[in-house]
Every structure is written in structure tokens, then in C-alpha cells.
Amino acid sequence: MGFFATIGRGWQMSKLSMGVVKKDPELLVYMVFAGVMSLTCLIGMSMPQFLEMPWAVDETGAFTPAYLGFTFVGYMLLSIVVVFWNCAIIANANIRLTGGDPKFADGVSAAVKRLPIIIAWGIIAGTVGLLLKALEGAARAGGENGGNQALAMVIHAIGGFVWWLMTFFMLPHLILEEKSIGDALKSSKATFVQTWGENITSGLGIGLIAVLFGIPIVVLTIGLTAALGPVGLLFGALGIGLLLAWSNAAEQVAVVALYRFAKDGQMPKIYQDAGMPTYTFGNVTMTPPPTR
């Protein structure tokens, strides 16, 4: 019964988190900026290869050390961009969930204030991401050596899960409490252990809602493409892009809501007003104190 109750709470929180994004559309604007900047990074990283520039590709078609270094820097920049705009969402969501009325500049200002630590964390997160991708590549390229392939798959799965666990609440501790990277990692792990069930189910809930919205977009795109050609594809790309931006912003809002619950012992008021006056960790029910 407790498991299904946790699923239900996660689903409800997912819908409420998406409602917060609807109420604060600047969160979507943050994600649009993140998407445009990320796409620019990816295009910039791939152009030397696509144009077969001599400094990027040698006579045999292999990548040069210079190009590998260039793509590494590009990947780090991409990671920093994602962290920066997610921090802006975290800051604005926290203002909304604590009773304020955030403006577009509030989140940007909070992220700029912590820019040095964001750059450092972006590089760390990007490097770990590359290492995990390398393990994934090794698992796929295992060939006949099944033992090494299986080992790479296990290390990749365990490493990815542990990294996700340790960093789930990383950004709230970095941007809202202004902690160092080391202290934020310790606090993130502790907060996750408190709220692990809701973390997982809220993420699944947001993903499922996104899929439910995505199905009609895909169907409509296919129909429009058959009738209008490239215009239909453009519609689909815009629709899926906005949906991804909405769901990612909602995930960050859910992180802040759980962070606030772990810190305050009660759900943010906007969640209480929507029918979540209490929340449960295991067998312990947390009840908000009476309003004075």
C-alpha cells in the first residue's frame, strides 16, 4: 500500500510541478535559451568534422588531437550552459514556491552571482558524463569479449545510478544555499536518501505526462508532413522542443519542491493549496504547522 501511495504522490506532484511552469512561463524561456545555446555548441563542435578541415581530420579520416581537444572544450561549454540555465530555473522556482512572484531577471541574476561555481560544477559534471559515455561505448564495442563488455555495462549502470543519486539535489544546494561543491555533494546525497521514493516517482510521472502529450504531437506531425511536407516537420520539431523544455523545467520545479520539503518539513504552500497538506517519508507523516 505504501508503494502505491508513493506512486500516487509522485504523480500528483508531477502535475503540480507542470502547473508551476504554466504559471511562470519565464521558466520555459530559460529552457529555450538553453536549447538555442546548446544547439549552437553542438553545431560549432561538428562543423570542423563536417567540413573536413585539415586541423580536425587527417588524411586517413581520423580525428586529430587538436580536434579532440576542441570537442572536449565544446562539451564542457555545453555542460556549463545546461547547468547555468537549470540554476536559473531552480532560483525562480524557489521564489515561487516560497510565496514570491519571480521575474525573468531573478533567476539569471542568481545564476550569474554563482557563475564561478557553476563553471566548476559544469566541468566536473561534463567530465563525468564523458566518462560514463566512454563506458557505454566500451560496452557496445565489446565484440567477442563478452566478459569485458558485461563488466563495462555493469560499471556504467552502477556509476550512472550513483552519480544521479549523489547529484539529484546538487543545484539547490549550490544556488540557494551557496555551498561549496564538496558540501553540496554531501547535502545532496543526504536529501536524496530522505526523499528517494518521491524523487523517482515524480520523475517518472513527469516523463509519462510528457509522453502522453508527445504522442498526439507525433501523430499530428506525420499528418502535416504528408500534407505540407517540410512545414509539418518544422511544426513537429517546435512542438517536441517546447514539450521537452516544459518537462525539463517541471523536473527542476519538482526538485525544488522536494528540497523545500526536506528543509522545512512541509510542502510549499502552492502544493498544500492543491491538496497536498501532508507528505510521507516511510511511515512518518509530516504535517505542516498551523497558519498563524
Protein backbone atom coordinates (compact mmCIF):
# COMPACT_ATOMS: atom_id res chain seq x y z
CA MET A 1 0.00 0.00 0.00
CA GLY A 2 2.86 2.35 0.87
CA PHE A 3 4.49 1.80 -2.53
CA PHE A 4 1.33 2.70 -4.46
CA ALA A 5 0.75 5.69 -2.18
CA THR A 6 4.24 6.89 -3.05
CA ILE A 7 3.47 6.45 -6.77
CA GLY A 8 0.29 8.48 -6.32
CA ARG A 9 2.09 11.30 -4.52
CA GLY A 10 4.78 11.40 -7.18
CA TRP A 11 2.17 11.59 -9.96
CA GLN A 12 0.28 14.36 -8.15
CA MET A 13 3.46 16.33 -7.58
CA SER A 14 4.38 15.95 -11.25
CA LYS A 15 1.10 17.57 -12.32
CA LEU A 16 1.52 20.37 -9.78
CA SER A 17 5.11 21.00 -10.89
CA MET A 18 3.99 21.29 -14.51
CA GLY A 19 1.31 23.72 -13.29
CA VAL A 20 4.01 25.91 -11.75
CA VAL A 21 5.76 26.07 -15.14
CA LYS A 22 2.46 27.11 -16.71
CA LYS A 23 2.12 29.86 -14.10
CA ASP A 24 5.70 31.08 -14.63
CA PRO A 25 6.36 30.91 -18.40
CA GLU A 26 9.77 32.52 -17.97
CA LEU A 27 10.93 29.05 -16.93
CA LEU A 28 10.18 27.91 -20.47
CA VAL A 29 12.08 30.91 -21.82
CA TYR A 30 15.09 29.79 -19.79
CA MET A 31 14.87 26.38 -21.45
CA VAL A 32 14.56 27.97 -24.92
CA PHE A 33 17.76 29.93 -24.26
CA ALA A 34 19.42 26.72 -23.02
CA GLY A 35 18.27 24.85 -26.13
CA VAL A 36 19.46 27.51 -28.57
CA MET A 37 22.85 27.85 -26.86
CA SER A 38 23.26 24.07 -26.63
CA LEU A 39 22.41 23.65 -30.32
CA THR A 40 24.95 26.36 -31.17
CA CYS A 41 27.60 24.46 -29.21
CA LEU A 42 26.78 21.20 -30.97
CA ILE A 43 26.86 22.81 -34.41
CA GLY A 44 30.15 24.51 -33.60
CA MET A 45 31.64 21.21 -32.43
CA SER A 46 30.56 19.30 -35.54
CA MET A 47 31.33 21.85 -38.26
CA PRO A 48 35.12 21.21 -38.47
CA GLN A 49 34.41 17.48 -38.94
CA PHE A 50 31.60 18.12 -41.43
CA LEU A 51 33.79 20.48 -43.49
CA GLU A 52 36.77 18.12 -43.13
CA MET A 53 39.07 20.92 -42.03
CA PRO A 54 42.75 19.84 -42.13
CA TRP A 55 43.35 20.64 -38.47
CA ALA A 56 40.37 18.47 -37.47
CA VAL A 57 40.59 15.46 -39.81
CA ASP A 58 43.83 13.97 -41.16
CA GLU A 59 44.44 12.23 -44.48
CA THR A 60 43.15 8.89 -43.17
CA GLY A 61 39.89 10.40 -41.95
CA ALA A 62 40.85 10.12 -38.29
CA PHE A 63 40.32 12.95 -35.83
CA THR A 64 43.40 14.94 -34.94
CA PRO A 65 44.44 15.59 -31.32
CA ALA A 66 43.61 19.26 -31.87
CA TYR A 67 40.02 18.42 -32.84
CA LEU A 68 39.60 16.03 -29.92
CA GLY A 69 40.72 18.82 -27.60
CA PHE A 70 38.36 21.21 -29.36
CA THR A 71 35.38 18.88 -28.89
CA PHE A 72 36.28 18.36 -25.22
CA VAL A 73 36.19 22.12 -24.64
CA GLY A 74 32.92 22.32 -26.58
CA TYR A 75 31.38 19.57 -24.46
CA MET A 76 32.44 21.34 -21.26
CA LEU A 77 30.87 24.57 -22.55
CA LEU A 78 27.68 22.66 -23.34
CA SER A 79 27.60 21.26 -19.81
CA ILE A 80 28.10 24.71 -18.30
CA VAL A 81 25.25 26.12 -20.40
CA VAL A 82 22.87 23.41 -19.16
CA VAL A 83 23.90 23.90 -15.52
CA PHE A 84 23.58 27.69 -15.76
CA TRP A 85 20.01 27.70 -17.05
CA ASN A 86 18.93 24.90 -14.72
CA CYS A 87 20.25 27.01 -11.85
CA ALA A 88 18.16 29.94 -13.11
CA ILE A 89 15.07 27.69 -13.07
CA ILE A 90 15.92 26.45 -9.56
CA ALA A 91 16.25 30.03 -8.29
CA ASN A 92 12.96 31.22 -9.81
CA ALA A 93 11.07 28.09 -8.76
CA ASN A 94 12.26 28.60 -5.19
CA ILE A 95 10.95 32.18 -5.21
CA ARG A 96 7.55 30.99 -6.46
CA LEU A 97 7.34 28.07 -4.02
CA THR A 98 8.20 30.30 -1.06
CA GLY A 99 5.43 32.77 -1.86
CA GLY A 100 7.21 35.25 -4.13
CA ASP A 101 6.48 36.42 -7.66
CA PRO A 102 9.67 35.78 -9.66
CA LYS A 103 10.71 37.83 -12.67
CA PHE A 104 12.86 36.71 -15.59
CA ALA A 105 15.88 38.63 -14.28
CA ASP A 106 15.73 36.99 -10.84
CA GLY A 107 16.85 33.56 -12.00
CA VAL A 108 19.50 34.96 -14.33
CA SER A 109 20.85 37.19 -11.57
CA ALA A 110 21.06 34.28 -9.12
CA ALA A 111 22.92 32.14 -11.66
CA VAL A 112 25.32 34.93 -12.63
CA LYS A 113 26.09 35.51 -8.95
CA ARG A 114 27.28 31.90 -8.69
CA LEU A 115 28.89 31.78 -12.13
CA PRO A 116 32.38 30.65 -10.98
CA ILE A 117 30.96 27.68 -9.05
CA ILE A 118 28.59 26.92 -11.95
CA ILE A 119 31.54 26.79 -14.35
CA ALA A 120 33.46 24.50 -12.00
CA TRP A 121 30.49 22.19 -11.49
CA GLY A 122 29.68 22.21 -15.21
CA ILE A 123 33.20 21.00 -15.98
CA ILE A 124 33.01 18.28 -13.32
CA ALA A 125 29.57 17.12 -14.46
CA GLY A 126 30.66 17.23 -18.10
CA THR A 127 33.78 15.18 -17.40
CA VAL A 128 31.81 12.54 -15.51
CA GLY A 129 29.30 12.49 -18.36
CA LEU A 130 32.10 11.83 -20.86
CA LEU A 131 33.49 9.02 -18.70
CA LEU A 132 30.06 7.40 -18.50
CA LYS A 133 29.68 7.73 -22.28
CA ALA A 134 33.10 6.12 -22.72
CA LEU A 135 31.99 3.17 -20.57
CA GLU A 136 28.80 2.91 -22.60
CA GLY A 137 30.84 2.91 -25.80
CA ALA A 138 33.14 0.24 -24.41
CA ALA A 139 30.13 -1.92 -23.54
CA ARG A 140 28.74 -1.63 -27.07
CA ALA A 141 32.13 -2.30 -28.67
CA GLY A 142 32.87 -5.34 -26.56
CA GLY A 143 32.63 -7.60 -29.57
CA GLU A 144 33.56 -11.22 -28.83
CA ASN A 145 34.94 -10.39 -25.41
CA GLY A 146 31.69 -10.81 -23.56
CA GLY A 147 33.32 -10.60 -20.12
CA ASN A 148 34.74 -7.13 -20.68
CA GLN A 149 31.51 -5.99 -22.32
CA ALA A 150 29.45 -7.18 -19.36
CA LEU A 151 31.85 -5.54 -16.90
CA ALA A 152 31.67 -2.23 -18.76
CA MET A 153 27.87 -2.40 -18.78
CA VAL A 154 27.72 -3.07 -15.03
CA ILE A 155 30.17 -0.29 -14.20
CA HIS A 156 28.26 2.11 -16.47
CA ALA A 157 24.90 1.24 -14.88
CA ILE A 158 26.13 1.42 -11.28
CA GLY A 159 28.21 4.52 -11.91
CA GLY A 160 25.34 6.32 -13.62
CA PHE A 161 22.90 5.49 -10.82
CA VAL A 162 25.30 6.54 -8.05
CA TRP A 163 26.07 9.79 -9.85
CA TRP A 164 22.36 10.52 -10.31
CA LEU A 165 21.72 9.75 -6.63
CA MET A 166 24.53 11.97 -5.36
CA THR A 167 23.74 14.95 -7.60
CA PHE A 168 19.92 14.98 -7.67
CA PHE A 169 19.74 17.92 -5.22
CA MET A 170 23.12 19.38 -6.17
CA LEU A 171 21.85 22.56 -7.80
CA PRO A 172 19.54 23.71 -4.97
CA HIS A 173 22.39 23.41 -2.51
CA LEU A 174 24.77 25.22 -4.87
CA ILE A 175 22.47 28.06 -5.92
CA LEU A 176 20.12 28.53 -2.95
CA GLU A 177 22.44 27.80 -0.03
CA GLU A 178 25.60 28.91 -1.83
CA LYS A 179 27.56 25.90 -0.63
CA SER A 180 30.86 24.69 -1.98
CA ILE A 181 30.86 21.77 -4.41
CA GLY A 182 32.04 19.32 -1.75
CA ASP A 183 29.48 20.40 0.84
CA ALA A 184 26.72 20.48 -1.77
CA LEU A 185 27.50 16.89 -2.81
CA LYS A 186 27.25 15.70 0.80
CA SER A 187 23.99 17.58 1.35
CA SER A 188 22.55 16.39 -1.97
CA LYS A 189 23.15 12.77 -1.05
CA ALA A 190 21.56 13.22 2.39
CA THR A 191 18.50 14.96 0.94
CA PHE A 192 18.05 12.26 -1.68
CA VAL A 193 18.11 9.50 0.94
CA GLN A 194 15.28 11.30 2.75
CA THR A 195 13.09 11.61 -0.33
CA TRP A 196 14.20 8.77 -2.62
CA GLY A 197 10.72 7.37 -3.34
CA GLU A 198 9.26 10.72 -4.32
CA ASN A 199 12.35 11.60 -6.38
CA ILE A 200 11.92 8.54 -8.56
CA THR A 201 8.15 8.63 -8.93
CA SER A 202 7.97 12.37 -9.62
CA GLY A 203 10.50 11.94 -12.41
CA LEU A 204 8.57 9.02 -13.84
CA GLY A 205 5.33 11.00 -13.57
CA ILE A 206 6.70 13.97 -15.48
CA GLY A 207 8.16 11.67 -18.12
CA LEU A 208 4.86 9.84 -18.54
CA ILE A 209 2.91 13.10 -18.85
CA ALA A 210 5.40 14.27 -21.48
CA VAL A 211 4.92 11.02 -23.42
CA LEU A 212 1.13 11.40 -23.28
CA PHE A 213 1.41 14.91 -24.74
CA GLY A 214 4.08 13.80 -27.20
CA ILE A 215 2.01 11.06 -28.86
CA PRO A 216 -0.59 13.41 -30.42
CA ILE A 217 2.21 15.81 -31.46
CA VAL A 218 3.95 12.99 -33.33
CA VAL A 219 0.70 11.82 -34.94
CA LEU A 220 -0.17 15.38 -35.98
CA THR A 221 3.35 15.90 -37.32
CA ILE A 222 3.10 12.80 -39.50
CA GLY A 223 -0.22 14.01 -40.92
CA LEU A 224 1.04 17.55 -41.54
CA THR A 225 4.25 16.26 -43.13
CA ALA A 226 2.26 14.10 -45.52
CA ALA A 227 0.10 17.10 -46.45
CA LEU A 228 2.52 20.02 -46.25
CA GLY A 229 5.99 18.48 -46.47
CA PRO A 230 8.79 20.28 -44.55
CA VAL A 231 6.29 22.60 -42.84
CA GLY A 232 4.91 19.59 -40.97
CA LEU A 233 8.40 18.60 -39.83
CA LEU A 234 9.02 22.14 -38.62
CA PHE A 235 5.80 22.02 -36.61
CA GLY A 236 6.84 18.71 -35.06
CA ALA A 237 10.29 19.97 -34.17
CA LEU A 238 8.85 23.06 -32.48
CA GLY A 239 6.19 21.04 -30.67
CA ILE A 240 8.60 18.41 -29.35
CA GLY A 241 11.12 21.10 -28.43
CA LEU A 242 8.56 23.01 -26.35
CA LEU A 243 7.40 19.79 -24.73
CA LEU A 244 10.95 18.86 -23.74
CA ALA A 245 11.51 22.37 -22.38
CA TRP A 246 8.28 22.17 -20.36
CA SER A 247 9.03 18.72 -18.90
CA ASN A 248 12.64 19.62 -18.04
CA ALA A 249 11.53 22.82 -16.32
CA ALA A 250 8.88 20.84 -14.40
CA GLU A 251 11.53 18.36 -13.25
CA GLN A 252 13.58 21.21 -11.79
CA VAL A 253 10.48 22.60 -10.06
CA ALA A 254 9.82 19.16 -8.55
CA VAL A 255 13.41 19.06 -7.29
CA VAL A 256 12.90 22.41 -5.56
CA ALA A 257 9.57 21.28 -4.06
CA LEU A 258 11.19 18.18 -2.56
CA TYR A 259 14.18 20.23 -1.44
CA ARG A 260 11.87 22.67 0.35
CA PHE A 261 10.03 19.78 2.00
CA ALA A 262 13.29 18.25 3.22
CA LYS A 263 14.41 21.65 4.57
CA ASP A 264 11.12 22.95 6.02
CA GLY A 265 9.28 19.78 6.99
CA GLN A 266 6.29 20.80 4.88
CA MET A 267 5.35 21.10 1.26
CA PRO A 268 5.35 24.56 -0.36
CA LYS A 269 2.03 26.36 0.04
CA ILE A 270 1.13 26.08 -3.63
CA TYR A 271 1.21 22.27 -3.23
CA GLN A 272 -0.72 22.39 0.04
CA ASP A 273 -3.45 24.50 -1.58
CA ALA A 274 -3.73 21.92 -4.36
CA GLY A 275 -4.45 19.09 -1.93
CA MET A 276 -1.05 18.08 -0.55
CA PRO A 277 -1.17 19.37 3.07
CA THR A 278 0.90 16.40 4.27
CA TYR A 279 3.65 14.27 2.85
CA THR A 280 5.02 10.93 3.98
CA PHE A 281 8.58 9.69 4.40
CA GLY A 282 8.34 5.96 5.03
CA ASN A 283 5.95 5.55 7.97
CA VAL A 284 6.28 9.11 9.24
CA THR A 285 3.68 11.65 8.18
CA MET A 286 4.86 15.24 8.15
CA THR A 287 2.08 17.75 8.82
CA PRO A 288 2.54 21.46 8.21
CA PRO A 289 2.24 23.63 11.32
CA PRO A 290 -0.97 25.64 11.64
CA THR A 291 -1.00 29.01 9.91
CA ARG A 292 -0.70 31.92 12.28
